[in-house]
Amino acid sequence: MRRHFEFTPEMVCAQLISFDIEDGKLYDIHFFGGCPGNTAAIAKLLEGADAKKTIAILKGNPCGRRPTSCADQLAIGIEQALAS
C-alpha cells in the first residue's frame, strides 16, 4: 500500500517536501521551493529508490554554510515517515 507523506523542512529554501513510500521505495517526490534544478534532479534520481538507502546517502549533506540542505531535509523526512 502506498502512503503519502508531507514534511516541513527547516533552515532551507524549500518550504515543503512531499513523497510517497510503497514497499520501502520512494515515489512522487516534490519539493515546494528551493533550487528548482537541484530539487527536480533529486526527485528524478530517487524515483523508485530504496528509502533506507536514500537516508544513508543524503543524511548530513550540508548546503554551503548551512548545516543542512534540501537533500538532508528529505532524508530526515523519510526517516520520520518510516518511524511512523
PDB file of N, CA and C in Angstrom:
ATOM      1  N   MET A   1       0.838  -1.181   0.000  1.00  0.00           N
ATOM      2  CA  MET A   1       0.000   0.000   0.000  1.00  0.00           C
ATOM      3  C   MET A   1       0.887   1.250   0.000  1.00  0.00           C
ATOM      4  N   ARG A   2       0.583   2.166  -0.876  1.00  0.00           N
ATOM      5  CA  ARG A   2       1.338   3.419  -0.976  1.00  0.00           C
ATOM      6  C   ARG A   2       0.832   4.390   0.078  1.00  0.00           C
ATOM      7  N   ARG A   3       1.795   5.004   0.786  1.00  0.00           N
ATOM      8  CA  ARG A   3       1.457   6.010   1.803  1.00  0.00           C
ATOM      9  C   ARG A   3       2.070   7.338   1.407  1.00  0.00           C
ATOM     10  N   HIS A   4       1.317   8.417   1.589  1.00  0.00           N
ATOM     11  CA  HIS A   4       1.767   9.762   1.241  1.00  0.00           C
ATOM     12  C   HIS A   4       2.227  10.489   2.497  1.00  0.00           C
ATOM     13  N   PHE A   5       3.316  11.239   2.365  1.00  0.00           N
ATOM     14  CA  PHE A   5       3.860  11.988   3.488  1.00  0.00           C
ATOM     15  C   PHE A   5       4.175  13.413   3.049  1.00  0.00           C
ATOM     16  N   GLU A   6       4.036  14.341   3.972  1.00  0.00           N
ATOM     17  CA  GLU A   6       4.458  15.718   3.761  1.00  0.00           C
ATOM     18  C   GLU A   6       5.331  16.113   4.936  1.00  0.00           C
ATOM     19  N   PHE A   7       6.436  16.779   4.619  1.00  0.00           N
ATOM     20  CA  PHE A   7       7.415  17.153   5.627  1.00  0.00           C
ATOM     21  C   PHE A   7       7.743  18.627   5.467  1.00  0.00           C
ATOM     22  N   THR A   8       7.737  19.362   6.572  1.00  0.00           N
ATOM     23  CA  THR A   8       8.102  20.776   6.563  1.00  0.00           C
ATOM     24  C   THR A   8       9.573  20.885   6.953  1.00  0.00           C
ATOM     25  N   PRO A   9      10.433  21.206   5.979  1.00  0.00           N
ATOM     26  CA  PRO A   9      11.864  21.293   6.266  1.00  0.00           C
ATOM     27  C   PRO A   9      12.224  22.545   7.048  1.00  0.00           C
ATOM     28  N   GLU A  10      13.393  22.525   7.657  1.00  0.00           N
ATOM     29  CA  GLU A  10      13.889  23.660   8.441  1.00  0.00           C
ATOM     30  C   GLU A  10      15.225  24.130   7.884  1.00  0.00           C
ATOM     31  N   MET A  11      15.442  25.440   7.908  1.00  0.00           N
ATOM     32  CA  MET A  11      16.715  26.077   7.550  1.00  0.00           C
ATOM     33  C   MET A  11      17.125  25.880   6.088  1.00  0.00           C
ATOM     34  N   VAL A  12      16.159  25.636   5.198  1.00  0.00           N
ATOM     35  CA  VAL A  12      16.438  25.526   3.762  1.00  0.00           C
ATOM     36  C   VAL A  12      15.408  26.354   2.998  1.00  0.00           C
ATOM     37  N   CYS A  13      15.644  26.530   1.715  1.00  0.00           N
ATOM     38  CA  CYS A  13      14.742  27.336   0.886  1.00  0.00           C
ATOM     39  C   CYS A  13      13.417  26.637   0.608  1.00  0.00           C
ATOM     40  N   ALA A  14      13.433  25.314   0.499  1.00  0.00           N
ATOM     41  CA  ALA A  14      12.192  24.571   0.264  1.00  0.00           C
ATOM     42  C   ALA A  14      11.265  24.749   1.470  1.00  0.00           C
ATOM     43  N   GLN A  15       9.993  24.939   1.198  1.00  0.00           N
ATOM     44  CA  GLN A  15       9.010  25.149   2.258  1.00  0.00           C
ATOM     45  C   GLN A  15       8.249  23.884   2.614  1.00  0.00           C
ATOM     46  N   LEU A  16       8.235  22.924   1.689  1.00  0.00           N
ATOM     47  CA  LEU A  16       7.520  21.668   1.916  1.00  0.00           C
ATOM     48  C   LEU A  16       8.120  20.604   1.017  1.00  0.00           C
ATOM     49  N   ILE A  17       8.179  19.382   1.511  1.00  0.00           N
ATOM     50  CA  ILE A  17       8.609  18.241   0.722  1.00  0.00           C
ATOM     51  C   ILE A  17       7.522  17.184   0.850  1.00  0.00           C
ATOM     52  N   SER A  18       7.046  16.692  -0.283  1.00  0.00           N
ATOM     53  CA  SER A  18       6.060  15.613  -0.242  1.00  0.00           C
ATOM     54  C   SER A  18       6.623  14.407  -0.985  1.00  0.00           C
ATOM     55  N   PHE A  19       6.221  13.225  -0.547  1.00  0.00           N
ATOM     56  CA  PHE A  19       6.699  11.990  -1.161  1.00  0.00           C
ATOM     57  C   PHE A  19       5.799  10.843  -0.751  1.00  0.00           C
ATOM     58  N   ASP A  20       5.870   9.777  -1.519  1.00  0.00           N
ATOM     59  CA  ASP A  20       5.145   8.549  -1.211  1.00  0.00           C
ATOM     60  C   ASP A  20       6.152   7.447  -0.938  1.00  0.00           C
ATOM     61  N   ILE A  21       5.742   6.502  -0.091  1.00  0.00           N
ATOM     62  CA  ILE A  21       6.537   5.301   0.160  1.00  0.00           C
ATOM     63  C   ILE A  21       5.633   4.096  -0.055  1.00  0.00           C
ATOM     64  N   GLU A  22       6.129   3.169  -0.864  1.00  0.00           N
ATOM     65  CA  GLU A  22       5.412   1.913  -1.096  1.00  0.00           C
ATOM     66  C   GLU A  22       6.440   0.790  -1.116  1.00  0.00           C
ATOM     67  N   ASP A  23       6.239  -0.207  -0.288  1.00  0.00           N
ATOM     68  CA  ASP A  23       7.164  -1.347  -0.207  1.00  0.00           C
ATOM     69  C   ASP A  23       8.606  -0.904  -0.008  1.00  0.00           C
ATOM     70  N   GLY A  24       8.806   0.136   0.813  1.00  0.00           N
ATOM     71  CA  GLY A  24      10.144   0.611   1.139  1.00  0.00           C
ATOM     72  C   GLY A  24      10.808   1.435   0.046  1.00  0.00           C
ATOM     73  N   LYS A  25      10.057   1.794  -0.994  1.00  0.00           N
ATOM     74  CA  LYS A  25      10.596   2.565  -2.120  1.00  0.00           C
ATOM     75  C   LYS A  25       9.945   3.948  -2.171  1.00  0.00           C
ATOM     76  N   LEU A  26      10.685   4.919  -2.707  1.00  0.00           N
ATOM     77  CA  LEU A  26      10.223   6.299  -2.799  1.00  0.00           C
ATOM     78  C   LEU A  26       9.588   6.592  -4.153  1.00  0.00           C
ATOM     79  N   TYR A  27       8.506   7.372  -4.122  1.00  0.00           N
ATOM     80  CA  TYR A  27       7.810   7.771  -5.341  1.00  0.00           C
ATOM     81  C   TYR A  27       7.260   9.185  -5.193  1.00  0.00           C
ATOM     82  N   ASP A  28       7.061   9.832  -6.325  1.00  0.00           N
ATOM     83  CA  ASP A  28       6.389  11.135  -6.387  1.00  0.00           C
ATOM     84  C   ASP A  28       6.971  12.162  -5.411  1.00  0.00           C
ATOM     85  N   ILE A  29       8.280  12.326  -5.439  1.00  0.00           N
ATOM     86  CA  ILE A  29       8.943  13.302  -4.571  1.00  0.00           C
ATOM     87  C   ILE A  29       8.778  14.692  -5.180  1.00  0.00           C
ATOM     88  N   HIS A  30       8.321  15.633  -4.370  1.00  0.00           N
ATOM     89  CA  HIS A  30       8.140  17.015  -4.819  1.00  0.00           C
ATOM     90  C   HIS A  30       8.665  17.967  -3.748  1.00  0.00           C
ATOM     91  N   PHE A  31       9.476  18.912  -4.181  1.00  0.00           N
ATOM     92  CA  PHE A  31       9.956  19.988  -3.316  1.00  0.00           C
ATOM     93  C   PHE A  31       9.188  21.249  -3.704  1.00  0.00           C
ATOM     94  N   PHE A  32       8.669  21.955  -2.737  1.00  0.00           N
ATOM     95  CA  PHE A  32       7.979  23.210  -2.973  1.00  0.00           C
ATOM     96  C   PHE A  32       8.892  24.319  -2.481  1.00  0.00           C
ATOM     97  N   GLY A  33       9.512  25.027  -3.420  1.00  0.00           N
ATOM     98  CA  GLY A  33      10.545  25.998  -3.102  1.00  0.00           C
ATOM     99  C   GLY A  33      11.902  25.338  -3.281  1.00  0.00           C
ATOM    100  N   GLY A  34      12.935  26.078  -2.993  1.00  0.00           N
ATOM    101  CA  GLY A  34      14.281  25.546  -3.166  1.00  0.00           C
ATOM    102  C   GLY A  34      14.806  25.819  -4.561  1.00  0.00           C
ATOM    103  N   CYS A  35      15.958  25.282  -4.869  1.00  0.00           N
ATOM    104  CA  CYS A  35      16.595  25.456  -6.185  1.00  0.00           C
ATOM    105  C   CYS A  35      15.928  24.489  -7.160  1.00  0.00           C
ATOM    106  N   PRO A  36      15.145  25.000  -8.108  1.00  0.00           N
ATOM    107  CA  PRO A  36      14.339  24.122  -8.960  1.00  0.00           C
ATOM    108  C   PRO A  36      15.127  23.044  -9.701  1.00  0.00           C
ATOM    109  N   GLY A  37      16.269  23.395 -10.253  1.00  0.00           N
ATOM    110  CA  GLY A  37      17.048  22.397 -10.981  1.00  0.00           C
ATOM    111  C   GLY A  37      17.557  21.290 -10.078  1.00  0.00           C
ATOM    112  N   ASN A  38      18.079  21.663  -8.928  1.00  0.00           N
ATOM    113  CA  ASN A  38      18.627  20.666  -7.995  1.00  0.00           C
ATOM    114  C   ASN A  38      17.541  19.774  -7.408  1.00  0.00           C
ATOM    115  N   THR A  39      16.451  20.378  -6.979  1.00  0.00           N
ATOM    116  CA  THR A  39      15.402  19.572  -6.347  1.00  0.00           C
ATOM    117  C   THR A  39      14.697  18.680  -7.366  1.00  0.00           C
ATOM    118  N   ALA A  40      14.533  19.158  -8.595  1.00  0.00           N
ATOM    119  CA  ALA A  40      13.933  18.318  -9.643  1.00  0.00           C
ATOM    120  C   ALA A  40      14.849  17.136  -9.952  1.00  0.00           C
ATOM    121  N   ALA A  41      16.157  17.385  -9.977  1.00  0.00           N
ATOM    122  CA  ALA A  41      17.113  16.310 -10.244  1.00  0.00           C
ATOM    123  C   ALA A  41      17.090  15.274  -9.122  1.00  0.00           C
ATOM    124  N   ILE A  42      17.058  15.739  -7.894  1.00  0.00           N
ATOM    125  CA  ILE A  42      16.997  14.822  -6.750  1.00  0.00           C
ATOM    126  C   ILE A  42      15.755  13.938  -6.872  1.00  0.00           C
ATOM    127  N   ALA A  43      14.613  14.557  -7.157  1.00  0.00           N
ATOM    128  CA  ALA A  43      13.358  13.811  -7.272  1.00  0.00           C
ATOM    129  C   ALA A  43      13.427  12.763  -8.379  1.00  0.00           C
ATOM    130  N   LYS A  44      13.987  13.114  -9.530  1.00  0.00           N
ATOM    131  CA  LYS A  44      14.105  12.159 -10.644  1.00  0.00           C
ATOM    132  C   LYS A  44      15.044  11.011 -10.297  1.00  0.00           C
ATOM    133  N   LEU A  45      16.175  11.339  -9.690  1.00  0.00           N
ATOM    134  CA  LEU A  45      17.159  10.313  -9.350  1.00  0.00           C
ATOM    135  C   LEU A  45      16.639   9.318  -8.313  1.00  0.00           C
ATOM    136  N   LEU A  46      15.764   9.799  -7.432  1.00  0.00           N
ATOM    137  CA  LEU A  46      15.304   8.949  -6.333  1.00  0.00           C
ATOM    138  C   LEU A  46      13.993   8.230  -6.610  1.00  0.00           C
ATOM    139  N   GLU A  47      13.384   8.448  -7.762  1.00  0.00           N
ATOM    140  CA  GLU A  47      12.122   7.766  -8.086  1.00  0.00           C
ATOM    141  C   GLU A  47      12.354   6.257  -8.069  1.00  0.00           C
ATOM    142  N   GLY A  48      11.657   5.558  -7.180  1.00  0.00           N
ATOM    143  CA  GLY A  48      11.786   4.109  -7.045  1.00  0.00           C
ATOM    144  C   GLY A  48      12.956   3.652  -6.192  1.00  0.00           C
ATOM    145  N   ALA A  49      13.696   4.607  -5.615  1.00  0.00           N
ATOM    146  CA  ALA A  49      14.867   4.260  -4.796  1.00  0.00           C
ATOM    147  C   ALA A  49      14.448   3.697  -3.439  1.00  0.00           C
ATOM    148  N   ASP A  50      15.322   2.903  -2.858  1.00  0.00           N
ATOM    149  CA  ASP A  50      15.105   2.353  -1.525  1.00  0.00           C
ATOM    150  C   ASP A  50      15.161   3.476  -0.500  1.00  0.00           C
ATOM    151  N   ALA A  51      14.140   3.586   0.324  1.00  0.00           N
ATOM    152  CA  ALA A  51      14.034   4.684   1.289  1.00  0.00           C
ATOM    153  C   ALA A  51      15.171   4.662   2.307  1.00  0.00           C
ATOM    154  N   LYS A  52      15.495   3.503   2.848  1.00  0.00           N
ATOM    155  CA  LYS A  52      16.552   3.422   3.864  1.00  0.00           C
ATOM    156  C   LYS A  52      17.921   3.743   3.273  1.00  0.00           C
ATOM    157  N   LYS A  53      18.179   3.285   2.068  1.00  0.00           N
ATOM    158  CA  LYS A  53      19.451   3.587   1.417  1.00  0.00           C
ATOM    159  C   LYS A  53      19.550   5.085   1.124  1.00  0.00           C
ATOM    160  N   THR A  54      18.437   5.692   0.756  1.00  0.00           N
ATOM    161  CA  THR A  54      18.407   7.130   0.491  1.00  0.00           C
ATOM    162  C   THR A  54      18.775   7.917   1.738  1.00  0.00           C
ATOM    163  N   ILE A  55      18.269   7.516   2.880  1.00  0.00           N
ATOM    164  CA  ILE A  55      18.615   8.174   4.144  1.00  0.00           C
ATOM    165  C   ILE A  55      20.121   8.097   4.363  1.00  0.00           C
ATOM    166  N   ALA A  56      20.682   6.917   4.182  1.00  0.00           N
ATOM    167  CA  ALA A  56      22.116   6.723   4.407  1.00  0.00           C
ATOM    168  C   ALA A  56      22.966   7.592   3.480  1.00  0.00           C
ATOM    169  N   ILE A  57      22.502   7.801   2.261  1.00  0.00           N
ATOM    170  CA  ILE A  57      23.263   8.587   1.291  1.00  0.00           C
ATOM    171  C   ILE A  57      23.134  10.089   1.548  1.00  0.00           C
ATOM    172  N   LEU A  58      21.932  10.561   1.831  1.00  0.00           N
ATOM    173  CA  LEU A  58      21.669  12.006   1.872  1.00  0.00           C
ATOM    174  C   LEU A  58      21.782  12.657   3.249  1.00  0.00           C
ATOM    175  N   LYS A  59      21.605  11.889   4.308  1.00  0.00           N
ATOM    176  CA  LYS A  59      21.581  12.490   5.641  1.00  0.00           C
ATOM    177  C   LYS A  59      22.927  13.112   5.988  1.00  0.00           C
ATOM    178  N   GLY A  60      22.874  14.370   6.453  1.00  0.00           N
ATOM    179  CA  GLY A  60      24.073  15.082   6.857  1.00  0.00           C
ATOM    180  C   GLY A  60      24.691  15.925   5.753  1.00  0.00           C
ATOM    181  N   ASN A  61      24.093  15.932   4.578  1.00  0.00           N
ATOM    182  CA  ASN A  61      24.611  16.713   3.455  1.00  0.00           C
ATOM    183  C   ASN A  61      24.307  18.198   3.674  1.00  0.00           C
ATOM    184  N   PRO A  62      25.331  19.050   3.818  1.00  0.00           N
ATOM    185  CA  PRO A  62      25.091  20.480   4.063  1.00  0.00           C
ATOM    186  C   PRO A  62      24.888  21.253   2.756  1.00  0.00           C
ATOM    187  N   CYS A  63      24.468  22.498   2.880  1.00  0.00           N
ATOM    188  CA  CYS A  63      24.325  23.407   1.738  1.00  0.00           C
ATOM    189  C   CYS A  63      25.100  24.679   2.060  1.00  0.00           C
ATOM    190  N   GLY A  64      26.269  24.825   1.465  1.00  0.00           N
ATOM    191  CA  GLY A  64      27.099  25.993   1.758  1.00  0.00           C
ATOM    192  C   GLY A  64      27.440  26.047   3.231  1.00  0.00           C
ATOM    193  N   ARG A  65      27.145  27.169   3.850  1.00  0.00           N
ATOM    194  CA  ARG A  65      27.421  27.334   5.293  1.00  0.00           C
ATOM    195  C   ARG A  65      26.325  26.765   6.179  1.00  0.00           C
ATOM    196  N   ARG A  66      25.213  26.418   5.564  1.00  0.00           N
ATOM    197  CA  ARG A  66      24.106  25.839   6.352  1.00  0.00           C
ATOM    198  C   ARG A  66      24.460  24.422   6.773  1.00  0.00           C
ATOM    199  N   PRO A  67      24.053  24.030   7.963  1.00  0.00           N
ATOM    200  CA  PRO A  67      24.368  22.669   8.425  1.00  0.00           C
ATOM    201  C   PRO A  67      23.451  21.612   7.812  1.00  0.00           C
ATOM    202  N   THR A  68      22.512  22.030   6.965  1.00  0.00           N
ATOM    203  CA  THR A  68      21.552  21.119   6.352  1.00  0.00           C
ATOM    204  C   THR A  68      21.349  21.529   4.906  1.00  0.00           C
ATOM    205  N   SER A  69      20.580  20.752   4.179  1.00  0.00           N
ATOM    206  CA  SER A  69      20.265  21.034   2.775  1.00  0.00           C
ATOM    207  C   SER A  69      18.900  20.442   2.472  1.00  0.00           C
ATOM    208  N   CYS A  70      18.396  20.719   1.288  1.00  0.00           N
ATOM    209  CA  CYS A  70      17.124  20.109   0.889  1.00  0.00           C
ATOM    210  C   CYS A  70      17.244  18.587   0.869  1.00  0.00           C
ATOM    211  N   ALA A  71      18.390  18.082   0.406  1.00  0.00           N
ATOM    212  CA  ALA A  71      18.605  16.634   0.389  1.00  0.00           C
ATOM    213  C   ALA A  71      18.630  16.065   1.805  1.00  0.00           C
ATOM    214  N   ASP A  72      19.321  16.736   2.715  1.00  0.00           N
ATOM    215  CA  ASP A  72      19.367  16.317   4.115  1.00  0.00           C
ATOM    216  C   ASP A  72      17.974  16.356   4.731  1.00  0.00           C
ATOM    217  N   GLN A  73      17.225  17.405   4.442  1.00  0.00           N
ATOM    218  CA  GLN A  73      15.873  17.520   4.985  1.00  0.00           C
ATOM    219  C   GLN A  73      14.964  16.427   4.433  1.00  0.00           C
ATOM    220  N   LEU A  74      15.138  16.065   3.165  1.00  0.00           N
ATOM    221  CA  LEU A  74      14.384  14.941   2.618  1.00  0.00           C
ATOM    222  C   LEU A  74      14.712  13.675   3.394  1.00  0.00           C
ATOM    223  N   ALA A  75      15.987  13.434   3.657  1.00  0.00           N
ATOM    224  CA  ALA A  75      16.393  12.246   4.418  1.00  0.00           C
ATOM    225  C   ALA A  75      15.749  12.230   5.802  1.00  0.00           C
ATOM    226  N   ILE A  76      15.710  13.383   6.447  1.00  0.00           N
ATOM    227  CA  ILE A  76      15.080  13.481   7.771  1.00  0.00           C
ATOM    228  C   ILE A  76      13.586  13.190   7.665  1.00  0.00           C
ATOM    229  N   GLY A  77      12.940  13.732   6.634  1.00  0.00           N
ATOM    230  CA  GLY A  77      11.517  13.468   6.420  1.00  0.00           C
ATOM    231  C   GLY A  77      11.227  12.002   6.171  1.00  0.00           C
ATOM    232  N   ILE A  78      12.067  11.355   5.374  1.00  0.00           N
ATOM    233  CA  ILE A  78      11.894   9.925   5.100  1.00  0.00           C
ATOM    234  C   ILE A  78      12.086   9.118   6.379  1.00  0.00           C
ATOM    235  N   GLU A  79      13.093   9.491   7.147  1.00  0.00           N
ATOM    236  CA  GLU A  79      13.362   8.810   8.421  1.00  0.00           C
ATOM    237  C   GLU A  79      12.137   8.888   9.342  1.00  0.00           C
ATOM    238  N   GLN A  80      11.558  10.077   9.444  1.00  0.00           N
ATOM    239  CA  GLN A  80      10.368  10.254  10.280  1.00  0.00           C
ATOM    240  C   GLN A  80       9.192   9.458   9.740  1.00  0.00           C
ATOM    241  N   ALA A  81       9.045   9.447   8.423  1.00  0.00           N
ATOM    242  CA  ALA A  81       7.938   8.693   7.815  1.00  0.00           C
ATOM    243  C   ALA A  81       8.064   7.203   8.114  1.00  0.00           C
ATOM    244  N   LEU A  82       9.272   6.680   8.002  1.00  0.00           N
ATOM    245  CA  LEU A  82       9.480   5.248   8.259  1.00  0.00           C
ATOM    246  C   LEU A  82       9.243   4.897   9.735  1.00  0.00           C
ATOM    247  N   ALA A  83       9.475   5.849  10.608  1.00  0.00           N
ATOM    248  CA  ALA A  83       9.280   5.605  12.044  1.00  0.00           C
ATOM    249  C   ALA A  83       7.814   5.715  12.457  1.00  0.00           C
ATOM    250  N   SER A  84       6.990   6.285  11.583  1.00  0.00           N
ATOM    251  CA  SER A  84       5.568   6.469  11.959  1.00  0.00           C
ATOM    252  C   SER A  84       4.733   5.250  11.691  1.00  0.00           C
TER     253      SER A  84
END
